[in-house]
Structures are given as structure tokens and as C-alpha cells.
């Protein structure tokens, strides 16, 4: 589902890539856009990264920015060689991927490039559903419900089916709009896949 890029404190650098960045890392108050622009590369990425839907940036074990991956690009390194960079769209509050992943805790492995395990997913649709990018799962909604319950088939999923899958049996005027919006965003994400 997600590639995780671990960041340290913001620091000045002499960039050995063709980009010529002057800094990398993160500091409090830094926007998700600045985090992405200066930290989306330059990394040694495994070819399996092409199967990931999201790139996350984490600091001290907490995800601070989320990007929906469009593709991975090669970046020339001065003196020879190539490394890789993520190309994608920075997600904002209200985007399903952002809301699913932001502020989540990630592993504490020393490697600066890790992957969020597939066991944090569930099948949200029937097994014949097409999911793009070589993925076989859709992300788990961050609710404490029975996520293994199939929704139906992709062709017949409705907002009501998705709300039922989330396990929501209490809706009032204050929160129904939020859940309907989330359900529509999830459905749109599935249709784009």
C-alpha cells in the first residue's frame, strides 16, 4: 500500500543529485508540499515500489505527509549513477489516503526506506474486483469494525453499502455528512483504480 520515507530534522546539504537542493528533512510547521518537494528523492528504491499506491513521510515514527504516487522517476547523481524519486500528488485533509494514513505510527527500523505492511489492509470488495498498480488489497478504513465483511461487488457498491461496511449504526445530522463524503471519496478512488 505505502512506501514510507523516514525523515530527520531539517538540515542544509550539498546535493549530489541534478536537483541541487539546499536542504532536506522536516521541521515543525513545515507544509506537506515543502516536505514532498525537498524529500521526494533522492532514494535507493526497490523495484517493488511501483506496486505501491502511496508514499508517506514520517518523523520519529509518525506519518506527517502523504502523497498518492503517480510514478517513480530516475534522478542522475553527479559522478554517475541513478537514484529514484517519487512523483505524485500531495494529499490533503479530506482525501481518503491522507485521512487513512496521516498521524499513524510506523515501524522503527533503521532503514530510511520501508513499506507499510499489507496486513494493514483488508478486502473491501469481492475478489474479482480490479485494483490498479498490481495491488490486491484496498486500505482498511480507520474504524474499529468488522472489516473482513465483504461489501458486495464493485458494480453494485453504494454509499449505503460502504457505510454498512464501516459498521456505522449510529448516524446523526452532525456526522452523516462526514461519513457520506468519506464513502464517496473511497468509491471514487476505487473507480479510478
Protein backbone atom coordinates (compact mmCIF):
# COMPACT_ATOMS: atom_id res chain seq x y z
CA UNK A 1 0.00 0.00 0.00
CA UNK A 2 2.58 2.57 1.03
CA UNK A 3 6.23 3.35 0.78
CA UNK A 4 7.45 5.12 3.92
CA UNK A 5 10.34 7.60 3.75
CA UNK A 6 11.81 8.44 7.14
CA UNK A 7 12.99 12.00 7.68
CA UNK A 8 15.28 13.55 10.21
CA UNK A 9 15.47 17.17 11.34
CA UNK A 10 15.74 19.74 8.56
CA UNK A 11 19.36 20.31 7.59
CA UNK A 12 21.42 22.04 4.92
CA UNK A 13 23.04 19.79 2.31
CA UNK A 14 25.27 19.84 -0.72
CA UNK A 15 23.03 17.88 -3.06
CA UNK A 16 24.85 15.26 -5.14
CA UNK A 17 21.87 14.93 -7.49
CA UNK A 18 20.99 17.00 -10.52
CA UNK A 19 18.32 18.78 -8.45
CA UNK A 20 20.69 20.97 -6.45
CA UNK A 21 18.52 21.16 -3.32
CA UNK A 22 19.90 23.16 -0.42
CA UNK A 23 18.08 21.31 2.38
CA UNK A 24 16.26 18.08 3.29
CA UNK A 25 14.32 16.85 6.31
CA UNK A 26 11.49 18.28 8.36
CA UNK A 27 10.84 20.92 10.99
CA UNK A 28 7.68 21.79 12.91
CA UNK A 29 5.31 23.96 10.90
CA UNK A 30 6.66 22.77 7.56
CA UNK A 31 3.94 22.22 4.96
CA UNK A 32 3.26 18.86 3.36
CA UNK A 33 4.09 20.45 -0.01
CA UNK A 34 7.55 21.58 1.20
CA UNK A 35 8.12 18.17 2.76
CA UNK A 36 7.32 16.48 -0.55
CA UNK A 37 9.24 18.92 -2.75
CA UNK A 38 12.52 18.55 -0.84
CA UNK A 39 12.27 14.92 0.29
CA UNK A 40 10.55 13.00 -2.55
CA UNK A 41 14.02 11.92 -3.67
CA UNK A 42 16.78 11.04 -3.88
CA UNK A 43 16.45 7.46 -2.60
CA UNK A 44 17.58 3.95 -3.49
CA UNK A 45 14.16 2.42 -4.11
CA UNK A 46 13.38 -1.24 -4.68
CA UNK A 47 11.56 -2.05 -7.96
CA UNK A 48 8.55 -3.19 -5.90
CA UNK A 49 7.85 0.48 -5.18
CA UNK A 50 5.94 0.60 -8.48
CA UNK A 51 3.22 -1.51 -6.83
CA UNK A 52 2.66 0.98 -4.03
CA UNK A 53 -0.19 3.49 -4.15
CA UNK A 54 1.05 5.97 -1.55
CA UNK A 55 4.31 7.44 -0.33
CA UNK A 56 4.35 8.59 3.26
CA UNK A 57 6.88 10.77 5.02
CA UNK A 58 7.45 10.08 8.70
CA UNK A 59 9.32 11.74 11.54
CA UNK A 60 10.08 9.92 14.79
CA UNK A 61 7.70 7.10 13.84
CA UNK A 62 4.68 9.23 12.90
CA UNK A 63 3.41 9.93 9.36
CA UNK A 64 3.45 13.68 8.71
CA UNK A 65 2.67 13.82 4.95
CA UNK A 66 1.02 11.54 2.36
CA UNK A 67 1.40 11.51 -1.43
CA UNK A 68 -0.57 9.49 -3.96
CA UNK A 69 2.11 8.05 -6.26
CA UNK A 70 1.81 8.73 -9.98
CA UNK A 71 5.16 7.19 -10.90
CA UNK A 72 8.79 6.84 -9.85
CA UNK A 73 11.46 8.75 -11.74
CA UNK A 74 15.20 8.19 -12.03
CA UNK A 75 17.40 11.07 -10.91
CA UNK A 76 21.01 11.32 -12.18
CA UNK A 77 23.68 11.54 -9.49
CA UNK A 78 26.73 13.71 -10.04
CA UNK A 79 29.69 11.47 -10.70
CA UNK A 80 27.46 8.77 -12.20
CA UNK A 81 24.64 6.51 -11.22
CA UNK A 82 20.94 6.90 -10.63
CA UNK A 83 18.66 7.08 -7.64
CA UNK A 84 14.89 7.44 -7.56
CA UNK A 85 12.26 9.98 -6.60
CA UNK A 86 8.52 9.83 -6.04
CA UNK A 87 6.28 11.80 -8.39
CA UNK A 88 2.73 12.29 -7.21
CA UNK A 89 0.02 14.44 -5.71
CA UNK A 90 0.31 15.71 -2.15
CA UNK A 91 -2.86 14.66 -0.35
CA UNK A 92 -4.77 17.00 1.93
CA UNK A 93 -7.30 16.55 4.72
CA UNK A 94 -10.45 15.09 3.20
CA UNK A 95 -8.53 12.92 0.70
CA UNK A 96 -9.16 9.28 1.59
CA UNK A 97 -5.47 8.28 1.54
CA UNK A 98 -4.48 11.24 3.68
CA UNK A 99 -7.16 10.59 6.27
CA UNK A 100 -6.31 6.88 6.33
CA UNK A 101 -2.56 7.32 6.88
CA UNK A 102 -1.77 10.71 8.44
CA UNK A 103 -0.60 10.62 12.07
CA UNK A 104 -0.32 6.81 12.02
CA UNK A 105 2.60 5.16 13.76
CA UNK A 106 5.11 3.38 11.52
CA UNK A 107 7.93 0.92 12.18
CA UNK A 108 11.10 1.97 13.96
CA UNK A 109 13.54 0.10 11.70
CA UNK A 110 16.80 1.88 10.96
CA UNK A 111 16.36 1.71 7.19
CA UNK A 112 15.17 5.11 5.91
CA UNK A 113 13.02 3.44 3.23
CA UNK A 114 10.40 0.97 4.47
CA UNK A 115 6.98 -0.28 3.46
CA UNK A 116 3.76 -0.23 5.44
CA UNK A 117 2.80 -3.93 5.65
CA UNK A 118 -0.04 -5.34 3.60
CA UNK A 119 -1.60 -6.81 6.74
CA UNK A 120 -2.92 -3.33 7.45
CA UNK A 121 -5.34 -3.87 4.55
CA UNK A 122 -8.50 -5.76 4.03
CA UNK A 123 -10.52 -6.86 1.07
CA UNK A 124 -13.22 -4.25 0.79
CA UNK A 125 -14.73 -5.64 -2.40
CA UNK A 126 -15.29 -9.01 -3.96
CA UNK A 127 -12.23 -10.93 -5.11
CA UNK A 128 -12.91 -10.26 -8.79
CA UNK A 129 -12.62 -6.50 -8.32
CA UNK A 130 -9.83 -4.85 -10.29
CA UNK A 131 -7.35 -2.89 -8.18
CA UNK A 132 -4.71 -0.97 -10.13
CA UNK A 133 -0.95 -0.86 -9.75
CA UNK A 134 -0.54 -4.59 -9.11
CA UNK A 135 -2.18 -4.25 -5.70
CA UNK A 136 -4.60 -6.89 -4.47
CA UNK A 137 -5.98 -5.04 -1.46
CA UNK A 138 -7.64 -1.76 -0.65
CA UNK A 139 -6.73 0.13 2.52
CA UNK A 140 -8.56 -0.57 5.74
CA UNK A 141 -10.79 2.27 6.90
CA UNK A 142 -9.62 3.56 10.24
CA UNK A 143 -12.65 2.39 12.20
CA UNK A 144 -12.96 -0.26 14.86
CA UNK A 145 -15.36 -2.51 12.95
CA UNK A 146 -15.57 -5.88 11.24
CA UNK A 147 -13.50 -5.05 8.14
CA UNK A 148 -13.47 -8.56 6.75
CA UNK A 149 -17.14 -8.36 5.85
CA UNK A 150 -17.41 -8.01 2.05
CA UNK A 151 -19.33 -5.02 0.78
CA UNK A 152 -20.77 -6.56 -2.36
CA UNK A 153 -19.39 -6.31 -5.86
CA UNK A 154 -17.78 -3.17 -7.20
CA UNK A 155 -20.53 -2.70 -9.76
CA UNK A 156 -23.23 -2.54 -7.08
CA UNK A 157 -21.47 -0.75 -4.22
CA UNK A 158 -23.41 2.23 -2.96
CA UNK A 159 -22.84 4.76 -0.22
CA UNK A 160 -25.19 2.72 1.95
CA UNK A 161 -23.09 -0.45 1.35
CA UNK A 162 -19.91 1.39 2.30
CA UNK A 163 -21.46 2.90 5.42
CA UNK A 164 -22.69 -0.58 6.34
CA UNK A 165 -19.16 -1.98 5.79
CA UNK A 166 -17.73 0.68 8.09
CA UNK A 167 -20.06 -0.71 10.76
CA UNK A 168 -21.76 2.59 11.38
CA UNK A 169 -25.08 2.01 13.10
CA UNK A 170 -25.37 5.49 14.53
CA UNK A 171 -25.68 8.47 12.26
CA UNK A 172 -26.99 11.84 13.23
CA UNK A 173 -27.09 15.15 11.40
CA UNK A 174 -23.74 16.16 12.86
CA UNK A 175 -21.69 13.30 11.40
CA UNK A 176 -23.67 11.84 8.49
CA UNK A 177 -22.22 14.34 6.00
CA UNK A 178 -18.68 13.37 7.02
CA UNK A 179 -19.30 9.65 6.50
CA UNK A 180 -21.15 10.15 3.22
CA UNK A 181 -18.24 12.29 1.98
CA UNK A 182 -15.70 9.64 3.06
CA UNK A 183 -17.74 6.90 1.40
CA UNK A 184 -17.93 8.87 -1.85
CA UNK A 185 -14.18 9.56 -1.80
CA UNK A 186 -13.47 5.87 -1.24
CA UNK A 187 -15.81 4.91 -4.08
CA UNK A 188 -14.17 7.47 -6.41
CA UNK A 189 -10.75 6.09 -5.50
CA UNK A 190 -11.93 2.58 -6.40
CA UNK A 191 -13.37 3.78 -9.70
CA UNK A 192 -10.05 5.49 -10.61
CA UNK A 193 -8.13 2.28 -9.86
